[in-house]
């Protein structure tokens, strides 16, 4: 079994850093990475709380972005397909070389939060050294080993299950809500946006599982 890691990266050379710094109130959720060309990955990103066309203009001026296409817009959110240029810090190429796999990522003005699968501790250590040798700050937030024997129910990851339990016990799902995602994140030892995304994905996974089960009845 491999390792599931959660870590934060900060560097001015990381993709989308310029765009997010320009419009600092946005949060970028990386939904999927398409790997037709590992040197220039294409990311499907959900943009949250962006002000009108300001972030679209910031993407056009970001040197790490080759192309940004709007796929959908709703309320103050948008879905983009973003093609990256060859980055100064080629994170994705290194992932592939080490046999690792990115699972989730969030980009804010504070940097990149990433959840990834690594084959072993040696690969993780090599990736960390790769980042820090190039001037990036690497902070490991959580490290767990995959295990099929004690997987949580409903197809949840261990991190999603833990976040949902903490949120339930703290009154996050009460009406009115008794705690914020920042408080949930503090309990889990992660940031508020990270906690929010983990809860969202956990609830989504439970719904998918429950709806699929009801359709089979």
C-alpha atoms as a PDB file:
ATOM      1  CA  UNK A   1       0.000   0.000   0.000  1.00  0.00           C
ATOM      2  CA  UNK A   2       1.118   3.544  -0.687  1.00  0.00           C
ATOM      3  CA  UNK A   3       1.084   6.719   1.364  1.00  0.00           C
ATOM      4  CA  UNK A   4      -1.583   9.418   1.274  1.00  0.00           C
ATOM      5  CA  UNK A   5      -0.027  12.795   1.977  1.00  0.00           C
ATOM      6  CA  UNK A   6      -1.393  16.264   2.571  1.00  0.00           C
ATOM      7  CA  UNK A   7       1.071  19.103   2.278  1.00  0.00           C
ATOM      8  CA  UNK A   8       1.349  22.802   1.563  1.00  0.00           C
ATOM      9  CA  UNK A   9       3.690  24.308  -1.011  1.00  0.00           C
ATOM     10  CA  UNK A  10       4.593  27.971  -1.312  1.00  0.00           C
ATOM     11  CA  UNK A  11       6.722  29.435  -4.071  1.00  0.00           C
ATOM     12  CA  UNK A  12       6.432  32.378  -6.433  1.00  0.00           C
ATOM     13  CA  UNK A  13       7.299  29.982  -9.264  1.00  0.00           C
ATOM     14  CA  UNK A  14       4.319  27.651  -8.808  1.00  0.00           C
ATOM     15  CA  UNK A  15       1.527  27.723 -11.435  1.00  0.00           C
ATOM     16  CA  UNK A  16      -1.348  30.199 -10.958  1.00  0.00           C
ATOM     17  CA  UNK A  17       0.547  32.036  -8.220  1.00  0.00           C
ATOM     18  CA  UNK A  18       0.475  35.350 -10.086  1.00  0.00           C
ATOM     19  CA  UNK A  19      -3.242  35.133 -10.908  1.00  0.00           C
ATOM     20  CA  UNK A  20      -4.276  34.286  -7.352  1.00  0.00           C
ATOM     21  CA  UNK A  21      -2.012  36.993  -5.948  1.00  0.00           C
ATOM     22  CA  UNK A  22      -3.708  39.519  -8.242  1.00  0.00           C
ATOM     23  CA  UNK A  23      -7.212  38.519  -7.113  1.00  0.00           C
ATOM     24  CA  UNK A  24      -6.451  37.344  -3.597  1.00  0.00           C
ATOM     25  CA  UNK A  25     -10.047  36.630  -2.537  1.00  0.00           C
ATOM     26  CA  UNK A  26     -10.475  33.714  -4.943  1.00  0.00           C
ATOM     27  CA  UNK A  27     -10.021  30.033  -4.117  1.00  0.00           C
ATOM     28  CA  UNK A  28      -9.038  27.651  -6.923  1.00  0.00           C
ATOM     29  CA  UNK A  29     -10.011  23.983  -6.562  1.00  0.00           C
ATOM     30  CA  UNK A  30      -8.175  21.684  -8.969  1.00  0.00           C
ATOM     31  CA  UNK A  31     -10.832  19.109  -9.909  1.00  0.00           C
ATOM     32  CA  UNK A  32      -8.838  17.061 -12.403  1.00  0.00           C
ATOM     33  CA  UNK A  33      -5.498  16.983 -14.238  1.00  0.00           C
ATOM     34  CA  UNK A  34      -5.375  15.812 -17.857  1.00  0.00           C
ATOM     35  CA  UNK A  35      -2.017  14.404 -18.897  1.00  0.00           C
ATOM     36  CA  UNK A  36      -1.887  14.395 -22.679  1.00  0.00           C
ATOM     37  CA  UNK A  37       1.489  16.148 -22.330  1.00  0.00           C
ATOM     38  CA  UNK A  38       3.118  15.686 -18.889  1.00  0.00           C
ATOM     39  CA  UNK A  39       5.264  18.773 -19.485  1.00  0.00           C
ATOM     40  CA  UNK A  40       2.177  20.948 -20.034  1.00  0.00           C
ATOM     41  CA  UNK A  41      -0.683  19.485 -17.986  1.00  0.00           C
ATOM     42  CA  UNK A  42      -4.247  20.682 -18.423  1.00  0.00           C
ATOM     43  CA  UNK A  43      -6.175  21.360 -15.215  1.00  0.00           C
ATOM     44  CA  UNK A  44      -9.923  21.475 -14.761  1.00  0.00           C
ATOM     45  CA  UNK A  45     -10.378  24.072 -12.022  1.00  0.00           C
ATOM     46  CA  UNK A  46     -13.357  25.340 -10.083  1.00  0.00           C
ATOM     47  CA  UNK A  47     -12.993  28.999  -9.148  1.00  0.00           C
ATOM     48  CA  UNK A  48     -14.860  30.156  -6.047  1.00  0.00           C
ATOM     49  CA  UNK A  49     -15.745  33.751  -5.088  1.00  0.00           C
ATOM     50  CA  UNK A  50     -14.205  35.450  -8.076  1.00  0.00           C
ATOM     51  CA  UNK A  51     -15.250  39.059  -8.845  1.00  0.00           C
ATOM     52  CA  UNK A  52     -16.711  39.260 -12.368  1.00  0.00           C
ATOM     53  CA  UNK A  53     -14.053  39.057 -15.098  1.00  0.00           C
ATOM     54  CA  UNK A  54     -11.158  40.166 -12.890  1.00  0.00           C
ATOM     55  CA  UNK A  55      -9.777  36.662 -12.392  1.00  0.00           C
ATOM     56  CA  UNK A  56     -10.173  35.841 -16.087  1.00  0.00           C
ATOM     57  CA  UNK A  57      -7.965  38.845 -16.866  1.00  0.00           C
ATOM     58  CA  UNK A  58      -5.486  37.748 -14.176  1.00  0.00           C
ATOM     59  CA  UNK A  59      -5.223  34.310 -15.805  1.00  0.00           C
ATOM     60  CA  UNK A  60      -4.492  35.940 -19.163  1.00  0.00           C
ATOM     61  CA  UNK A  61      -1.593  37.851 -17.573  1.00  0.00           C
ATOM     62  CA  UNK A  62      -0.219  34.889 -15.581  1.00  0.00           C
ATOM     63  CA  UNK A  63       3.053  33.689 -17.206  1.00  0.00           C
ATOM     64  CA  UNK A  64       2.385  30.084 -16.099  1.00  0.00           C
ATOM     65  CA  UNK A  65      -0.879  29.913 -18.087  1.00  0.00           C
ATOM     66  CA  UNK A  66      -0.815  29.098 -21.798  1.00  0.00           C
ATOM     67  CA  UNK A  67      -4.592  29.067 -22.197  1.00  0.00           C
ATOM     68  CA  UNK A  68      -7.661  29.429 -19.990  1.00  0.00           C
ATOM     69  CA  UNK A  69     -11.093  28.472 -21.317  1.00  0.00           C
ATOM     70  CA  UNK A  70     -14.288  29.111 -19.373  1.00  0.00           C
ATOM     71  CA  UNK A  71     -16.391  25.923 -19.331  1.00  0.00           C
ATOM     72  CA  UNK A  72     -19.201  27.136 -17.080  1.00  0.00           C
ATOM     73  CA  UNK A  73     -20.181  30.099 -14.904  1.00  0.00           C
ATOM     74  CA  UNK A  74     -22.716  30.137 -12.069  1.00  0.00           C
ATOM     75  CA  UNK A  75     -23.333  32.649  -9.259  1.00  0.00           C
ATOM     76  CA  UNK A  76     -19.823  33.755  -8.217  1.00  0.00           C
ATOM     77  CA  UNK A  77     -18.196  30.508  -9.333  1.00  0.00           C
ATOM     78  CA  UNK A  78     -16.716  29.318 -12.607  1.00  0.00           C
ATOM     79  CA  UNK A  79     -15.237  26.193 -14.151  1.00  0.00           C
ATOM     80  CA  UNK A  80     -12.076  26.610 -16.239  1.00  0.00           C
ATOM     81  CA  UNK A  81      -9.867  24.415 -18.369  1.00  0.00           C
ATOM     82  CA  UNK A  82      -6.355  25.776 -17.833  1.00  0.00           C
ATOM     83  CA  UNK A  83      -3.363  24.710 -19.918  1.00  0.00           C
ATOM     84  CA  UNK A  84      -0.056  25.396 -18.201  1.00  0.00           C
ATOM     85  CA  UNK A  85       3.213  26.474 -19.762  1.00  0.00           C
ATOM     86  CA  UNK A  86       6.477  24.733 -18.885  1.00  0.00           C
ATOM     87  CA  UNK A  87       6.753  25.764 -15.214  1.00  0.00           C
ATOM     88  CA  UNK A  88       9.961  26.881 -13.489  1.00  0.00           C
ATOM     89  CA  UNK A  89       9.193  24.191 -10.871  1.00  0.00           C
ATOM     90  CA  UNK A  90       7.978  21.164 -12.935  1.00  0.00           C
ATOM     91  CA  UNK A  91       5.880  19.614 -10.170  1.00  0.00           C
ATOM     92  CA  UNK A  92       3.772  17.299 -12.309  1.00  0.00           C
ATOM     93  CA  UNK A  93       6.691  15.870 -14.267  1.00  0.00           C
ATOM     94  CA  UNK A  94       8.340  15.023 -10.951  1.00  0.00           C
ATOM     95  CA  UNK A  95       5.166  13.365  -9.675  1.00  0.00           C
ATOM     96  CA  UNK A  96       5.192  11.029 -12.663  1.00  0.00           C
ATOM     97  CA  UNK A  97       8.892  10.247 -12.409  1.00  0.00           C
ATOM     98  CA  UNK A  98       8.457   9.227  -8.749  1.00  0.00           C
ATOM     99  CA  UNK A  99       5.366   7.112  -9.371  1.00  0.00           C
ATOM    100  CA  UNK A 100       3.200   9.518  -7.371  1.00  0.00           C
ATOM    101  CA  UNK A 101      -0.312  10.728  -8.164  1.00  0.00           C
ATOM    102  CA  UNK A 102      -1.938  14.073  -7.303  1.00  0.00           C
ATOM    103  CA  UNK A 103      -5.415  13.586  -5.825  1.00  0.00           C
ATOM    104  CA  UNK A 104      -6.660  17.054  -4.836  1.00  0.00           C
ATOM    105  CA  UNK A 105      -5.269  20.556  -4.828  1.00  0.00           C
ATOM    106  CA  UNK A 106      -6.406  23.983  -3.641  1.00  0.00           C
ATOM    107  CA  UNK A 107      -4.710  27.236  -4.623  1.00  0.00           C
ATOM    108  CA  UNK A 108      -5.094  30.373  -2.521  1.00  0.00           C
ATOM    109  CA  UNK A 109      -3.019  33.453  -1.863  1.00  0.00           C
ATOM    110  CA  UNK A 110      -1.307  31.404   0.884  1.00  0.00           C
ATOM    111  CA  UNK A 111       0.014  28.844  -1.615  1.00  0.00           C
ATOM    112  CA  UNK A 112      -0.882  25.376  -2.850  1.00  0.00           C
ATOM    113  CA  UNK A 113      -2.499  22.760  -0.618  1.00  0.00           C
ATOM    114  CA  UNK A 114      -2.085  19.291  -2.131  1.00  0.00           C
ATOM    115  CA  UNK A 115      -3.305  15.801  -1.389  1.00  0.00           C
ATOM    116  CA  UNK A 116      -1.278  13.135  -3.187  1.00  0.00           C
ATOM    117  CA  UNK A 117      -0.475   9.441  -3.223  1.00  0.00           C
ATOM    118  CA  UNK A 118       3.197   8.408  -3.019  1.00  0.00           C
ATOM    119  CA  UNK A 119       4.449   4.836  -3.392  1.00  0.00           C
ATOM    120  CA  UNK A 120       6.713   5.038  -0.321  1.00  0.00           C
ATOM    121  CA  UNK A 121       8.529   7.361   2.085  1.00  0.00           C
ATOM    122  CA  UNK A 122      11.609   7.464  -0.138  1.00  0.00           C
ATOM    123  CA  UNK A 123       9.595   8.930  -3.021  1.00  0.00           C
ATOM    124  CA  UNK A 124       8.009  11.488  -0.686  1.00  0.00           C
ATOM    125  CA  UNK A 125      11.426  12.485   0.687  1.00  0.00           C
ATOM    126  CA  UNK A 126      12.788  12.855  -2.840  1.00  0.00           C
ATOM    127  CA  UNK A 127       9.839  15.016  -3.854  1.00  0.00           C
ATOM    128  CA  UNK A 128      10.251  17.209  -0.781  1.00  0.00           C
ATOM    129  CA  UNK A 129      13.964  17.640  -1.525  1.00  0.00           C
ATOM    130  CA  UNK A 130      13.134  18.487  -5.145  1.00  0.00           C
ATOM    131  CA  UNK A 131      10.807  21.286  -4.015  1.00  0.00           C
ATOM    132  CA  UNK A 132      13.014  22.755  -1.299  1.00  0.00           C
ATOM    133  CA  UNK A 133      16.119  22.626  -3.495  1.00  0.00           C
ATOM    134  CA  UNK A 134      14.296  24.949  -5.889  1.00  0.00           C
ATOM    135  CA  UNK A 135      13.323  27.459  -3.229  1.00  0.00           C
ATOM    136  CA  UNK A 136       9.818  26.214  -2.460  1.00  0.00           C
ATOM    137  CA  UNK A 137       8.581  25.844   1.112  1.00  0.00           C
ATOM    138  CA  UNK A 138       7.226  22.363   1.808  1.00  0.00           C
ATOM    139  CA  UNK A 139       5.095  21.729   4.899  1.00  0.00           C
ATOM    140  CA  UNK A 140       3.746  18.209   5.483  1.00  0.00           C
ATOM    141  CA  UNK A 141       0.327  18.409   7.170  1.00  0.00           C
ATOM    142  CA  UNK A 142      -0.713  14.769   7.280  1.00  0.00           C
ATOM    143  CA  UNK A 143       0.662  11.361   6.307  1.00  0.00           C
ATOM    144  CA  UNK A 144      -1.364   8.143   6.355  1.00  0.00           C
ATOM    145  CA  UNK A 145      -0.805   4.690   4.930  1.00  0.00           C
ATOM    146  CA  UNK A 146      -3.395   3.173   2.613  1.00  0.00           C
ATOM    147  CA  UNK A 147      -5.032   0.106   4.043  1.00  0.00           C
ATOM    148  CA  UNK A 148      -7.817  -1.928   2.521  1.00  0.00           C
ATOM    149  CA  UNK A 149      -8.520  -3.694   5.823  1.00  0.00           C
ATOM    150  CA  UNK A 150      -9.887  -0.700   7.716  1.00  0.00           C
ATOM    151  CA  UNK A 151     -11.255   1.544   4.989  1.00  0.00           C
ATOM    152  CA  UNK A 152     -14.052   3.892   6.141  1.00  0.00           C
ATOM    153  CA  UNK A 153     -17.616   3.281   4.887  1.00  0.00           C
ATOM    154  CA  UNK A 154     -19.260   4.745   1.766  1.00  0.00           C
ATOM    155  CA  UNK A 155     -15.983   4.900  -0.157  1.00  0.00           C
ATOM    156  CA  UNK A 156     -14.723   7.765   2.025  1.00  0.00           C
ATOM    157  CA  UNK A 157     -11.033   8.375   2.543  1.00  0.00           C
ATOM    158  CA  UNK A 158      -9.755   8.280   6.119  1.00  0.00           C
ATOM    159  CA  UNK A 159      -9.280  12.064   5.999  1.00  0.00           C
ATOM    160  CA  UNK A 160     -12.832  12.694   4.747  1.00  0.00           C
ATOM    161  CA  UNK A 161     -14.285  10.355   7.389  1.00  0.00           C
ATOM    162  CA  UNK A 162     -12.323  12.049  10.174  1.00  0.00           C
ATOM    163  CA  UNK A 163     -13.388  15.514   8.990  1.00  0.00           C
ATOM    164  CA  UNK A 164     -17.057  14.530   8.830  1.00  0.00           C
ATOM    165  CA  UNK A 165     -16.969  13.017  12.329  1.00  0.00           C
ATOM    166  CA  UNK A 166     -15.247  16.090  13.778  1.00  0.00           C
ATOM    167  CA  UNK A 167     -17.710  18.396  11.999  1.00  0.00           C
ATOM    168  CA  UNK A 168     -20.730  16.406  13.198  1.00  0.00           C
ATOM    169  CA  UNK A 169     -19.549  16.306  16.807  1.00  0.00           C
ATOM    170  CA  UNK A 170     -18.737  20.038  16.777  1.00  0.00           C
ATOM    171  CA  UNK A 171     -22.154  21.043  15.434  1.00  0.00           C
ATOM    172  CA  UNK A 172     -21.093  22.035  11.931  1.00  0.00           C
ATOM    173  CA  UNK A 173     -24.220  20.430  10.445  1.00  0.00           C
ATOM    174  CA  UNK A 174     -26.578  21.880  13.060  1.00  0.00           C
ATOM    175  CA  UNK A 175     -29.118  24.579  12.200  1.00  0.00           C
ATOM    176  CA  UNK A 176     -27.939  27.188  12.868  1.00  0.00           C
ATOM    177  CA  UNK A 177     -24.354  26.112  12.292  1.00  0.00           C
ATOM    178  CA  UNK A 178     -22.340  26.148  15.516  1.00  0.00           C
ATOM    179  CA  UNK A 179     -18.759  26.196  14.177  1.00  0.00           C
ATOM    180  CA  UNK A 180     -16.960  27.470  11.082  1.00  0.00           C
ATOM    181  CA  UNK A 181     -14.744  25.592   8.654  1.00  0.00           C
ATOM    182  CA  UNK A 182     -11.794  27.508  10.119  1.00  0.00           C
ATOM    183  CA  UNK A 183     -12.585  25.973  13.524  1.00  0.00           C
ATOM    184  CA  UNK A 184     -12.963  22.513  11.962  1.00  0.00           C
ATOM    185  CA  UNK A 185      -9.636  23.005  10.205  1.00  0.00           C
ATOM    186  CA  UNK A 186      -7.964  24.020  13.463  1.00  0.00           C
ATOM    187  CA  UNK A 187      -9.246  20.812  15.082  1.00  0.00           C
ATOM    188  CA  UNK A 188      -7.875  18.752  12.182  1.00  0.00           C
ATOM    189  CA  UNK A 189      -4.603  20.672  11.975  1.00  0.00           C
ATOM    190  CA  UNK A 190      -5.298  22.024   8.470  1.00  0.00           C
ATOM    191  CA  UNK A 191      -6.506  25.296   6.977  1.00  0.00           C
ATOM    192  CA  UNK A 192     -10.131  26.379   6.758  1.00  0.00           C
ATOM    193  CA  UNK A 193     -10.303  26.055   2.939  1.00  0.00           C
ATOM    194  CA  UNK A 194      -8.742  22.588   3.187  1.00  0.00           C
ATOM    195  CA  UNK A 195     -11.357  21.554   5.756  1.00  0.00           C
ATOM    196  CA  UNK A 196     -14.151  22.978   3.606  1.00  0.00           C
ATOM    197  CA  UNK A 197     -12.997  21.037   0.553  1.00  0.00           C
ATOM    198  CA  UNK A 198     -12.543  17.822   2.552  1.00  0.00           C
ATOM    199  CA  UNK A 199     -16.083  18.086   3.938  1.00  0.00           C
ATOM    200  CA  UNK A 200     -17.529  18.889   0.519  1.00  0.00           C
ATOM    201  CA  UNK A 201     -15.875  15.877  -1.082  1.00  0.00           C
ATOM    202  CA  UNK A 202     -16.882  13.636   1.805  1.00  0.00           C
ATOM    203  CA  UNK A 203     -20.550  14.650   1.603  1.00  0.00           C
ATOM    204  CA  UNK A 204     -20.442  14.274  -2.183  1.00  0.00           C
ATOM    205  CA  UNK A 205     -19.017  10.755  -1.848  1.00  0.00           C
ATOM    206  CA  UNK A 206     -21.727   9.732   0.633  1.00  0.00           C
ATOM    207  CA  UNK A 207     -24.449  11.078  -1.672  1.00  0.00           C
ATOM    208  CA  UNK A 208     -23.006   9.266  -4.677  1.00  0.00           C
ATOM    209  CA  UNK A 209     -22.893   6.025  -2.701  1.00  0.00           C
ATOM    210  CA  UNK A 210     -26.387   6.415  -1.285  1.00  0.00           C
ATOM    211  CA  UNK A 211     -27.981   7.408  -4.596  1.00  0.00           C
ATOM    212  CA  UNK A 212     -26.279   4.567  -6.440  1.00  0.00           C
ATOM    213  CA  UNK A 213     -27.566   2.119  -3.818  1.00  0.00           C
ATOM    214  CA  UNK A 214     -31.145   3.457  -4.077  1.00  0.00           C
ATOM    215  CA  UNK A 215     -31.081   3.106  -7.871  1.00  0.00           C
ATOM    216  CA  UNK A 216     -30.235  -0.597  -7.518  1.00  0.00           C
ATOM    217  CA  UNK A 217     -33.241  -1.270  -5.266  1.00  0.00           C
END
